[in-house]
Amino acid sequence: MTKADLVELVTDAIAQTSGPMISKKDCARVVDAFLDAIKDALKEQKNIEVRGFGTFKIRNRKTRMARNPRTGAPVEVSARPVPVFKPSKELRAMVSDLDVSELADA
């Protein structure tokens, strides 16, 4: 799914509930603003929790040794923060086609 597909789905969902009050262009601005808010929060090392969907976090990776694929020489990869996403129990259950109570037992 692309961002354009997401804008299309959101526009259609709003049109079904409220009528055609929002244009695709305005909906694209809303989607862009939402994604920018997530990016800005992650940039500031903040966590974002969307109930029923999941959590976006920054995890710090440790320094590690890797190998150059051409030469085989060891290369040190420095420590750095990386964004991660942890889905909620509800989202994991929905994707797995399970009941949330079944997921808690696993």
PDB file of N, CA and C in Angstrom:
ATOM      1  N   MET A   1       0.854  -1.175   0.000  1.00  0.00           N
ATOM      2  CA  MET A   1       0.000   0.000   0.000  1.00  0.00           C
ATOM      3  C   MET A   1       0.898   1.236   0.000  1.00  0.00           C
ATOM      4  N   THR A   2       0.596   2.165  -0.852  1.00  0.00           N
ATOM      5  CA  THR A   2       1.349   3.412  -0.917  1.00  0.00           C
ATOM      6  C   THR A   2       0.615   4.503  -0.130  1.00  0.00           C
ATOM      7  N   LYS A   3       1.293   5.635   0.025  1.00  0.00           N
ATOM      8  CA  LYS A   3       0.661   6.748   0.718  1.00  0.00           C
ATOM      9  C   LYS A   3      -0.569   7.233  -0.049  1.00  0.00           C
ATOM     10  N   ALA A   4      -0.503   7.187  -1.368  1.00  0.00           N
ATOM     11  CA  ALA A   4      -1.658   7.585  -2.184  1.00  0.00           C
ATOM     12  C   ALA A   4      -2.845   6.649  -1.936  1.00  0.00           C
ATOM     13  N   ASP A   5      -2.571   5.351  -1.808  1.00  0.00           N
ATOM     14  CA  ASP A   5      -3.640   4.397  -1.490  1.00  0.00           C
ATOM     15  C   ASP A   5      -4.233   4.691  -0.122  1.00  0.00           C
ATOM     16  N   LEU A   6      -3.379   5.029   0.833  1.00  0.00           N
ATOM     17  CA  LEU A   6      -3.843   5.361   2.176  1.00  0.00           C
ATOM     18  C   LEU A   6      -4.737   6.595   2.151  1.00  0.00           C
ATOM     19  N   VAL A   7      -4.328   7.606   1.411  1.00  0.00           N
ATOM     20  CA  VAL A   7      -5.136   8.829   1.283  1.00  0.00           C
ATOM     21  C   VAL A   7      -6.485   8.492   0.675  1.00  0.00           C
ATOM     22  N   GLU A   8      -6.494   7.648  -0.331  1.00  0.00           N
ATOM     23  CA  GLU A   8      -7.744   7.239  -0.986  1.00  0.00           C
ATOM     24  C   GLU A   8      -8.675   6.539   0.005  1.00  0.00           C
ATOM     25  N   LEU A   9      -8.132   5.598   0.799  1.00  0.00           N
ATOM     26  CA  LEU A   9      -8.943   4.872   1.781  1.00  0.00           C
ATOM     27  C   LEU A   9      -9.502   5.795   2.860  1.00  0.00           C
ATOM     28  N   VAL A  10      -8.675   6.718   3.339  1.00  0.00           N
ATOM     29  CA  VAL A  10      -9.118   7.647   4.377  1.00  0.00           C
ATOM     30  C   VAL A  10     -10.191   8.579   3.824  1.00  0.00           C
ATOM     31  N   THR A  11     -10.005   9.070   2.622  1.00  0.00           N
ATOM     32  CA  THR A  11     -11.001   9.944   1.993  1.00  0.00           C
ATOM     33  C   THR A  11     -12.328   9.208   1.835  1.00  0.00           C
ATOM     34  N   ASP A  12     -12.270   7.962   1.392  1.00  0.00           N
ATOM     35  CA  ASP A  12     -13.498   7.169   1.228  1.00  0.00           C
ATOM     36  C   ASP A  12     -14.174   6.916   2.568  1.00  0.00           C
ATOM     37  N   ALA A  13     -13.401   6.626   3.615  1.00  0.00           N
ATOM     38  CA  ALA A  13     -13.973   6.377   4.938  1.00  0.00           C
ATOM     39  C   ALA A  13     -14.665   7.620   5.485  1.00  0.00           C
ATOM     40  N   ILE A  14     -14.065   8.772   5.286  1.00  0.00           N
ATOM     41  CA  ILE A  14     -14.667  10.022   5.753  1.00  0.00           C
ATOM     42  C   ILE A  14     -15.933  10.319   4.946  1.00  0.00           C
ATOM     43  N   ALA A  15     -15.888  10.068   3.645  1.00  0.00           N
ATOM     44  CA  ALA A  15     -17.060  10.329   2.796  1.00  0.00           C
ATOM     45  C   ALA A  15     -18.235   9.443   3.182  1.00  0.00           C
ATOM     46  N   GLN A  16     -17.970   8.213   3.631  1.00  0.00           N
ATOM     47  CA  GLN A  16     -19.046   7.302   4.033  1.00  0.00           C
ATOM     48  C   GLN A  16     -19.706   7.748   5.329  1.00  0.00           C
ATOM     49  N   THR A  17     -18.940   8.283   6.250  1.00  0.00           N
ATOM     50  CA  THR A  17     -19.498   8.652   7.550  1.00  0.00           C
ATOM     51  C   THR A  17     -20.018  10.080   7.601  1.00  0.00           C
ATOM     52  N   SER A  18     -19.309  11.004   6.948  1.00  0.00           N
ATOM     53  CA  SER A  18     -19.674  12.415   7.070  1.00  0.00           C
ATOM     54  C   SER A  18     -20.127  13.058   5.772  1.00  0.00           C
ATOM     55  N   GLY A  19     -20.074  12.328   4.700  1.00  0.00           N
ATOM     56  CA  GLY A  19     -20.388  12.924   3.416  1.00  0.00           C
ATOM     57  C   GLY A  19     -19.121  13.473   2.789  1.00  0.00           C
ATOM     58  N   PRO A  20     -19.188  13.904   1.555  1.00  0.00           N
ATOM     59  CA  PRO A  20     -17.979  14.375   0.853  1.00  0.00           C
ATOM     60  C   PRO A  20     -17.547  15.765   1.325  1.00  0.00           C
ATOM     61  N   MET A  21     -17.148  15.854   2.597  1.00  0.00           N
ATOM     62  CA  MET A  21     -16.772  17.154   3.156  1.00  0.00           C
ATOM     63  C   MET A  21     -15.289  17.461   2.991  1.00  0.00           C
ATOM     64  N   ILE A  22     -14.465  16.464   2.720  1.00  0.00           N
ATOM     65  CA  ILE A  22     -13.029  16.682   2.646  1.00  0.00           C
ATOM     66  C   ILE A  22     -12.522  16.221   1.278  1.00  0.00           C
ATOM     67  N   SER A  23     -11.671  17.021   0.693  1.00  0.00           N
ATOM     68  CA  SER A  23     -11.110  16.666  -0.610  1.00  0.00           C
ATOM     69  C   SER A  23      -9.909  15.747  -0.412  1.00  0.00           C
ATOM     70  N   LYS A  24      -9.512  15.097  -1.493  1.00  0.00           N
ATOM     71  CA  LYS A  24      -8.332  14.231  -1.428  1.00  0.00           C
ATOM     72  C   LYS A  24      -7.090  15.046  -1.065  1.00  0.00           C
ATOM     73  N   LYS A  25      -7.035  16.264  -1.560  1.00  0.00           N
ATOM     74  CA  LYS A  25      -5.895  17.133  -1.289  1.00  0.00           C
ATOM     75  C   LYS A  25      -5.803  17.450   0.206  1.00  0.00           C
ATOM     76  N   ASP A  26      -6.941  17.756   0.827  1.00  0.00           N
ATOM     77  CA  ASP A  26      -6.962  18.031   2.263  1.00  0.00           C
ATOM     78  C   ASP A  26      -6.644  16.768   3.063  1.00  0.00           C
ATOM     79  N   CYS A  27      -7.161  15.646   2.608  1.00  0.00           N
ATOM     80  CA  CYS A  27      -6.889  14.381   3.281  1.00  0.00           C
ATOM     81  C   CYS A  27      -5.403  14.035   3.183  1.00  0.00           C
ATOM     82  N   ALA A  28      -4.794  14.313   2.047  1.00  0.00           N
ATOM     83  CA  ALA A  28      -3.356  14.083   1.884  1.00  0.00           C
ATOM     84  C   ALA A  28      -2.563  14.946   2.864  1.00  0.00           C
ATOM     85  N   ARG A  29      -3.027  16.171   3.095  1.00  0.00           N
ATOM     86  CA  ARG A  29      -2.366  17.040   4.077  1.00  0.00           C
ATOM     87  C   ARG A  29      -2.466  16.460   5.480  1.00  0.00           C
ATOM     88  N   VAL A  30      -3.615  15.887   5.810  1.00  0.00           N
ATOM     89  CA  VAL A  30      -3.809  15.273   7.126  1.00  0.00           C
ATOM     90  C   VAL A  30      -2.880  14.068   7.293  1.00  0.00           C
ATOM     91  N   VAL A  31      -2.819  13.210   6.281  1.00  0.00           N
ATOM     92  CA  VAL A  31      -1.939  12.033   6.340  1.00  0.00           C
ATOM     93  C   VAL A  31      -0.482  12.476   6.451  1.00  0.00           C
ATOM     94  N   ASP A  32      -0.088  13.471   5.663  1.00  0.00           N
ATOM     95  CA  ASP A  32       1.284  13.989   5.732  1.00  0.00           C
ATOM     96  C   ASP A  32       1.585  14.574   7.109  1.00  0.00           C
ATOM     97  N   ALA A  33       0.640  15.301   7.670  1.00  0.00           N
ATOM     98  CA  ALA A  33       0.847  15.895   8.996  1.00  0.00           C
ATOM     99  C   ALA A  33       0.993  14.810  10.059  1.00  0.00           C
ATOM    100  N   PHE A  34       0.196  13.747   9.960  1.00  0.00           N
ATOM    101  CA  PHE A  34       0.292  12.630  10.904  1.00  0.00           C
ATOM    102  C   PHE A  34       1.665  11.971  10.808  1.00  0.00           C
ATOM    103  N   LEU A  35       2.108  11.685   9.587  1.00  0.00           N
ATOM    104  CA  LEU A  35       3.401  11.047   9.408  1.00  0.00           C
ATOM    105  C   LEU A  35       4.543  11.962   9.843  1.00  0.00           C
ATOM    106  N   ASP A  36       4.423  13.263   9.573  1.00  0.00           N
ATOM    107  CA  ASP A  36       5.443  14.223  10.014  1.00  0.00           C
ATOM    108  C   ASP A  36       5.505  14.302  11.533  1.00  0.00           C
ATOM    109  N   ALA A  37       4.359  14.224  12.194  1.00  0.00           N
ATOM    110  CA  ALA A  37       4.339  14.251  13.659  1.00  0.00           C
ATOM    111  C   ALA A  37       5.062  13.036  14.227  1.00  0.00           C
ATOM    112  N   ILE A  38       4.874  11.873  13.612  1.00  0.00           N
ATOM    113  CA  ILE A  38       5.585  10.669  14.056  1.00  0.00           C
ATOM    114  C   ILE A  38       7.081  10.833  13.826  1.00  0.00           C
ATOM    115  N   LYS A  39       7.468  11.313  12.661  1.00  0.00           N
ATOM    116  CA  LYS A  39       8.896  11.514  12.362  1.00  0.00           C
ATOM    117  C   LYS A  39       9.531  12.491  13.337  1.00  0.00           C
ATOM    118  N   ASP A  40       8.848  13.607  13.599  1.00  0.00           N
ATOM    119  CA  ASP A  40       9.401  14.616  14.507  1.00  0.00           C
ATOM    120  C   ASP A  40       9.559  14.072  15.928  1.00  0.00           C
ATOM    121  N   ALA A  41       8.582  13.308  16.388  1.00  0.00           N
ATOM    122  CA  ALA A  41       8.668  12.738  17.731  1.00  0.00           C
ATOM    123  C   ALA A  41       9.816  11.740  17.818  1.00  0.00           C
ATOM    124  N   LEU A  42       9.984  10.907  16.796  1.00  0.00           N
ATOM    125  CA  LEU A  42      11.095   9.952  16.802  1.00  0.00           C
ATOM    126  C   LEU A  42      12.434  10.672  16.722  1.00  0.00           C
ATOM    127  N   LYS A  43      12.472  11.753  15.977  1.00  0.00           N
ATOM    128  CA  LYS A  43      13.696  12.539  15.866  1.00  0.00           C
ATOM    129  C   LYS A  43      14.105  13.118  17.223  1.00  0.00           C
ATOM    130  N   GLU A  44      13.113  13.429  18.047  1.00  0.00           N
ATOM    131  CA  GLU A  44      13.364  13.964  19.393  1.00  0.00           C
ATOM    132  C   GLU A  44      13.479  12.853  20.436  1.00  0.00           C
ATOM    133  N   GLN A  45      13.630  11.593  19.969  1.00  0.00           N
ATOM    134  CA  GLN A  45      13.804  10.428  20.847  1.00  0.00           C
ATOM    135  C   GLN A  45      12.577  10.159  21.723  1.00  0.00           C
ATOM    136  N   LYS A  46      11.394  10.502  21.248  1.00  0.00           N
ATOM    137  CA  LYS A  46      10.161  10.256  21.987  1.00  0.00           C
ATOM    138  C   LYS A  46       9.467   9.017  21.425  1.00  0.00           C
ATOM    139  N   ASN A  47       8.722   8.317  22.283  1.00  0.00           N
ATOM    140  CA  ASN A  47       7.923   7.173  21.858  1.00  0.00           C
ATOM    141  C   ASN A  47       6.534   7.650  21.461  1.00  0.00           C
ATOM    142  N   ILE A  48       5.932   6.953  20.504  1.00  0.00           N
ATOM    143  CA  ILE A  48       4.574   7.260  20.074  1.00  0.00           C
ATOM    144  C   ILE A  48       3.742   6.006  20.273  1.00  0.00           C
ATOM    145  N   GLU A  49       2.668   6.124  21.037  1.00  0.00           N
ATOM    146  CA  GLU A  49       1.787   4.981  21.287  1.00  0.00           C
ATOM    147  C   GLU A  49       0.412   5.282  20.706  1.00  0.00           C
ATOM    148  N   VAL A  50      -0.029   4.431  19.790  1.00  0.00           N
ATOM    149  CA  VAL A  50      -1.353   4.540  19.200  1.00  0.00           C
ATOM    150  C   VAL A  50      -2.137   3.331  19.697  1.00  0.00           C
ATOM    151  N   ARG A  51      -3.053   3.544  20.614  1.00  0.00           N
ATOM    152  CA  ARG A  51      -3.812   2.448  21.243  1.00  0.00           C
ATOM    153  C   ARG A  51      -4.512   1.600  20.187  1.00  0.00           C
ATOM    154  N   GLY A  52      -4.392   0.299  20.335  1.00  0.00           N
ATOM    155  CA  GLY A  52      -5.016  -0.624  19.404  1.00  0.00           C
ATOM    156  C   GLY A  52      -4.237  -0.824  18.122  1.00  0.00           C
ATOM    157  N   PHE A  53      -3.144  -0.087  17.927  1.00  0.00           N
ATOM    158  CA  PHE A  53      -2.333  -0.209  16.710  1.00  0.00           C
ATOM    159  C   PHE A  53      -0.915  -0.646  17.048  1.00  0.00           C
ATOM    160  N   GLY A  54      -0.228   0.147  17.862  1.00  0.00           N
ATOM    161  CA  GLY A  54       1.129  -0.220  18.234  1.00  0.00           C
ATOM    162  C   GLY A  54       1.918   0.961  18.741  1.00  0.00           C
ATOM    163  N   THR A  55       3.227   0.725  18.943  1.00  0.00           N
ATOM    164  CA  THR A  55       4.118   1.739  19.494  1.00  0.00           C
ATOM    165  C   THR A  55       5.330   1.906  18.593  1.00  0.00           C
ATOM    166  N   PHE A  56       5.655   3.151  18.295  1.00  0.00           N
ATOM    167  CA  PHE A  56       6.878   3.484  17.586  1.00  0.00           C
ATOM    168  C   PHE A  56       7.887   3.917  18.643  1.00  0.00           C
ATOM    169  N   LYS A  57       9.090   3.334  18.602  1.00  0.00           N
ATOM    170  CA  LYS A  57      10.111   3.648  19.598  1.00  0.00           C
ATOM    171  C   LYS A  57      11.456   3.852  18.909  1.00  0.00           C
ATOM    172  N   ILE A  58      12.381   4.415  19.671  1.00  0.00           N
ATOM    173  CA  ILE A  58      13.772   4.493  19.255  1.00  0.00           C
ATOM    174  C   ILE A  58      14.535   3.494  20.104  1.00  0.00           C
ATOM    175  N   ARG A  59      15.260   2.606  19.444  1.00  0.00           N
ATOM    176  CA  ARG A  59      16.087   1.634  20.152  1.00  0.00           C
ATOM    177  C   ARG A  59      17.548   1.917  19.795  1.00  0.00           C
ATOM    178  N   ASN A  60      18.400   1.870  20.781  1.00  0.00           N
ATOM    179  CA  ASN A  60      19.824   2.120  20.556  1.00  0.00           C
ATOM    180  C   ASN A  60      20.533   0.805  20.266  1.00  0.00           C
ATOM    181  N   ARG A  61      21.127   0.715  19.083  1.00  0.00           N
ATOM    182  CA  ARG A  61      21.910  -0.464  18.710  1.00  0.00           C
ATOM    183  C   ARG A  61      23.326  -0.302  19.244  1.00  0.00           C
ATOM    184  N   LYS A  62      23.901  -1.407  19.678  1.00  0.00           N
ATOM    185  CA  LYS A  62      25.258  -1.394  20.205  1.00  0.00           C
ATOM    186  C   LYS A  62      26.255  -1.426  19.054  1.00  0.00           C
ATOM    187  N   THR A  63      27.486  -1.059  19.362  1.00  0.00           N
ATOM    188  CA  THR A  63      28.574  -1.186  18.397  1.00  0.00           C
ATOM    189  C   THR A  63      28.788  -2.677  18.134  1.00  0.00           C
ATOM    190  N   ARG A  64      29.047  -3.025  16.875  1.00  0.00           N
ATOM    191  CA  ARG A  64      29.261  -4.433  16.541  1.00  0.00           C
ATOM    192  C   ARG A  64      30.280  -4.550  15.420  1.00  0.00           C
ATOM    193  N   MET A  65      30.785  -5.754  15.270  1.00  0.00           N
ATOM    194  CA  MET A  65      31.733  -6.021  14.197  1.00  0.00           C
ATOM    195  C   MET A  65      30.983  -6.680  13.040  1.00  0.00           C
ATOM    196  N   ALA A  66      31.289  -6.222  11.829  1.00  0.00           N
ATOM    197  CA  ALA A  66      30.711  -6.788  10.612  1.00  0.00           C
ATOM    198  C   ALA A  66      31.857  -7.074   9.646  1.00  0.00           C
ATOM    199  N   ARG A  67      31.534  -7.612   8.500  1.00  0.00           N
ATOM    200  CA  ARG A  67      32.565  -7.897   7.493  1.00  0.00           C
ATOM    201  C   ARG A  67      32.237  -7.195   6.186  1.00  0.00           C
ATOM    202  N   ASN A  68      33.278  -6.677   5.556  1.00  0.00           N
ATOM    203  CA  ASN A  68      33.139  -6.101   4.232  1.00  0.00           C
ATOM    204  C   ASN A  68      32.908  -7.265   3.267  1.00  0.00           C
ATOM    205  N   PRO A  69      31.800  -7.283   2.517  1.00  0.00           N
ATOM    206  CA  PRO A  69      31.511  -8.429   1.655  1.00  0.00           C
ATOM    207  C   PRO A  69      32.527  -8.612   0.520  1.00  0.00           C
ATOM    208  N   ARG A  70      33.174  -7.550   0.082  1.00  0.00           N
ATOM    209  CA  ARG A  70      34.151  -7.662  -1.005  1.00  0.00           C
ATOM    210  C   ARG A  70      35.472  -8.242  -0.529  1.00  0.00           C
ATOM    211  N   THR A  71      35.987  -7.650   0.557  1.00  0.00           N
ATOM    212  CA  THR A  71      37.329  -8.032   1.004  1.00  0.00           C
ATOM    213  C   THR A  71      37.313  -9.035   2.144  1.00  0.00           C
ATOM    214  N   GLY A  72      36.214  -9.111   2.861  1.00  0.00           N
ATOM    215  CA  GLY A  72      36.153  -9.998   4.011  1.00  0.00           C
ATOM    216  C   GLY A  72      36.792  -9.396   5.247  1.00  0.00           C
ATOM    217  N   ALA A  73      37.263  -8.158   5.131  1.00  0.00           N
ATOM    218  CA  ALA A  73      37.930  -7.500   6.262  1.00  0.00           C
ATOM    219  C   ALA A  73      36.889  -7.098   7.309  1.00  0.00           C
ATOM    220  N   PRO A  74      37.244  -7.227   8.596  1.00  0.00           N
ATOM    221  CA  PRO A  74      36.305  -6.801   9.639  1.00  0.00           C
ATOM    222  C   PRO A  74      36.138  -5.281   9.652  1.00  0.00           C
ATOM    223  N   VAL A  75      34.908  -4.853   9.872  1.00  0.00           N
ATOM    224  CA  VAL A  75      34.577  -3.430   9.911  1.00  0.00           C
ATOM    225  C   VAL A  75      33.733  -3.199  11.165  1.00  0.00           C
ATOM    226  N   GLU A  76      34.049  -2.131  11.887  1.00  0.00           N
ATOM    227  CA  GLU A  76      33.264  -1.802  13.073  1.00  0.00           C
ATOM    228  C   GLU A  76      32.077  -0.936  12.667  1.00  0.00           C
ATOM    229  N   VAL A  77      30.883  -1.370  13.068  1.00  0.00           N
ATOM    230  CA  VAL A  77      29.670  -0.599  12.827  1.00  0.00           C
ATOM    231  C   VAL A  77      29.355   0.114  14.139  1.00  0.00           C
ATOM    232  N   SER A  78      29.317   1.438  14.087  1.00  0.00           N
ATOM    233  CA  SER A  78      29.153   2.232  15.305  1.00  0.00           C
ATOM    234  C   SER A  78      27.742   2.118  15.883  1.00  0.00           C
ATOM    235  N   ALA A  79      27.631   2.443  17.153  1.00  0.00           N
ATOM    236  CA  ALA A  79      26.331   2.448  17.829  1.00  0.00           C
ATOM    237  C   ALA A  79      25.483   3.564  17.240  1.00  0.00           C
ATOM    238  N   ARG A  80      24.166   3.309  17.162  1.00  0.00           N
ATOM    239  CA  ARG A  80      23.280   4.325  16.600  1.00  0.00           C
ATOM    240  C   ARG A  80      21.846   4.037  17.010  1.00  0.00           C
ATOM    241  N   PRO A  81      21.017   5.067  17.056  1.00  0.00           N
ATOM    242  CA  PRO A  81      19.593   4.852  17.329  1.00  0.00           C
ATOM    243  C   PRO A  81      18.869   4.431  16.052  1.00  0.00           C
ATOM    244  N   VAL A  82      17.917   3.506  16.192  1.00  0.00           N
ATOM    245  CA  VAL A  82      17.119   3.060  15.048  1.00  0.00           C
ATOM    246  C   VAL A  82      15.641   3.065  15.442  1.00  0.00           C
ATOM    247  N   PRO A  83      14.759   3.427  14.524  1.00  0.00           N
ATOM    248  CA  PRO A  83      13.321   3.379  14.833  1.00  0.00           C
ATOM    249  C   PRO A  83      12.823   1.939  14.751  1.00  0.00           C
ATOM    250  N   VAL A  84      11.921   1.573  15.666  1.00  0.00           N
ATOM    251  CA  VAL A  84      11.301   0.251  15.661  1.00  0.00           C
ATOM    252  C   VAL A  84       9.800   0.410  15.882  1.00  0.00           C
ATOM    253  N   PHE A  85       9.045  -0.589  15.443  1.00  0.00           N
ATOM    254  CA  PHE A  85       7.601  -0.594  15.638  1.00  0.00           C
ATOM    255  C   PHE A  85       7.225  -1.881  16.338  1.00  0.00           C
ATOM    256  N   LYS A  86       6.450  -1.766  17.410  1.00  0.00           N
ATOM    257  CA  LYS A  86       5.944  -2.931  18.131  1.00  0.00           C
ATOM    258  C   LYS A  86       4.421  -2.915  18.014  1.00  0.00           C
ATOM    259  N   PRO A  87       3.843  -3.904  17.303  1.00  0.00           N
ATOM    260  CA  PRO A  87       2.391  -3.914  17.147  1.00  0.00           C
ATOM    261  C   PRO A  87       1.688  -4.241  18.455  1.00  0.00           C
ATOM    262  N   SER A  88       0.469  -3.746  18.601  1.00  0.00           N
ATOM    263  CA  SER A  88      -0.334  -4.039  19.790  1.00  0.00           C
ATOM    264  C   SER A  88      -0.845  -5.474  19.717  1.00  0.00           C
ATOM    265  N   LYS A  89      -1.338  -5.960  20.842  1.00  0.00           N
ATOM    266  CA  LYS A  89      -1.909  -7.312  20.880  1.00  0.00           C
ATOM    267  C   LYS A  89      -3.090  -7.417  19.929  1.00  0.00           C
ATOM    268  N   GLU A  90      -3.906  -6.356  19.878  1.00  0.00           N
ATOM    269  CA  GLU A  90      -5.075  -6.374  19.003  1.00  0.00           C
ATOM    270  C   GLU A  90      -4.675  -6.490  17.540  1.00  0.00           C
ATOM    271  N   LEU A  91      -3.651  -5.743  17.134  1.00  0.00           N
ATOM    272  CA  LEU A  91      -3.192  -5.783  15.747  1.00  0.00           C
ATOM    273  C   LEU A  91      -2.593  -7.142  15.417  1.00  0.00           C
ATOM    274  N   ARG A  92      -1.776  -7.688  16.322  1.00  0.00           N
ATOM    275  CA  ARG A  92      -1.194  -9.011  16.088  1.00  0.00           C
ATOM    276  C   ARG A  92      -2.285 -10.069  15.968  1.00  0.00           C
ATOM    277  N   ALA A  93      -3.309  -9.986  16.812  1.00  0.00           N
ATOM    278  CA  ALA A  93      -4.406 -10.950  16.759  1.00  0.00           C
ATOM    279  C   ALA A  93      -5.179 -10.819  15.451  1.00  0.00           C
ATOM    280  N   MET A  94      -5.413  -9.595  15.012  1.00  0.00           N
ATOM    281  CA  MET A  94      -6.153  -9.371  13.776  1.00  0.00           C
ATOM    282  C   MET A  94      -5.387  -9.925  12.571  1.00  0.00           C
ATOM    283  N   VAL A  95      -4.083  -9.699  12.532  1.00  0.00           N
ATOM    284  CA  VAL A  95      -3.258 -10.178  11.426  1.00  0.00           C
ATOM    285  C   VAL A  95      -3.190 -11.706  11.434  1.00  0.00           C
ATOM    286  N   SER A  96      -3.128 -12.300  12.621  1.00  0.00           N
ATOM    287  CA  SER A  96      -3.044 -13.755  12.743  1.00  0.00           C
ATOM    288  C   SER A  96      -4.404 -14.425  12.676  1.00  0.00           C
ATOM    289  N   ASP A  97      -5.470 -13.637  12.623  1.00  0.00           N
ATOM    290  CA  ASP A  97      -6.839 -14.135  12.598  1.00  0.00           C
ATOM    291  C   ASP A  97      -7.149 -14.938  13.858  1.00  0.00           C
ATOM    292  N   LEU A  98      -6.682 -14.412  15.009  1.00  0.00           N
ATOM    293  CA  LEU A  98      -6.914 -15.034  16.311  1.00  0.00           C
ATOM    294  C   LEU A  98      -7.728 -14.122  17.183  1.00  0.00           C
ATOM    295  N   ASP A  99      -8.213 -14.674  18.290  1.00  0.00           N
ATOM    296  CA  ASP A  99      -8.860 -13.876  19.323  1.00  0.00           C
ATOM    297  C   ASP A  99      -7.752 -13.309  20.211  1.00  0.00           C
ATOM    298  N   VAL A 100      -7.937 -12.132  20.772  1.00  0.00           N
ATOM    299  CA  VAL A 100      -6.921 -11.496  21.614  1.00  0.00           C
ATOM    300  C   VAL A 100      -6.586 -12.376  22.821  1.00  0.00           C
ATOM    301  N   SER A 101      -7.563 -13.080  23.363  1.00  0.00           N
ATOM    302  CA  SER A 101      -7.315 -13.954  24.511  1.00  0.00           C
ATOM    303  C   SER A 101      -6.406 -15.119  24.145  1.00  0.00           C
ATOM    304  N   GLU A 102      -6.492 -15.611  22.908  1.00  0.00           N
ATOM    305  CA  GLU A 102      -5.607 -16.682  22.448  1.00  0.00           C
ATOM    306  C   GLU A 102      -4.166 -16.205  22.349  1.00  0.00           C
ATOM    307  N   LEU A 103      -3.975 -14.956  21.982  1.00  0.00           N
ATOM    308  CA  LEU A 103      -2.642 -14.391  21.844  1.00  0.00           C
ATOM    309  C   LEU A 103      -1.977 -14.207  23.197  1.00  0.00           C
ATOM    310  N   ALA A 104      -2.757 -13.911  24.215  1.00  0.00           N
ATOM    311  CA  ALA A 104      -2.198 -13.719  25.552  1.00  0.00           C
ATOM    312  C   ALA A 104      -1.658 -15.013  26.115  1.00  0.00           C
ATOM    313  N   ASP A 105      -2.232 -16.155  25.734  1.00  0.00           N
ATOM    314  CA  ASP A 105      -1.764 -17.447  26.219  1.00  0.00           C
ATOM    315  C   ASP A 105      -0.479 -17.879  25.559  1.00  0.00           C
ATOM    316  N   ALA A 106      -0.209 -17.400  24.371  1.00  0.00           N
ATOM    317  CA  ALA A 106       0.974 -17.842  23.617  1.00  0.00           C
ATOM    318  C   ALA A 106       2.247 -17.239  24.129  1.00  0.00           C
TER     319      ALA A 106
END
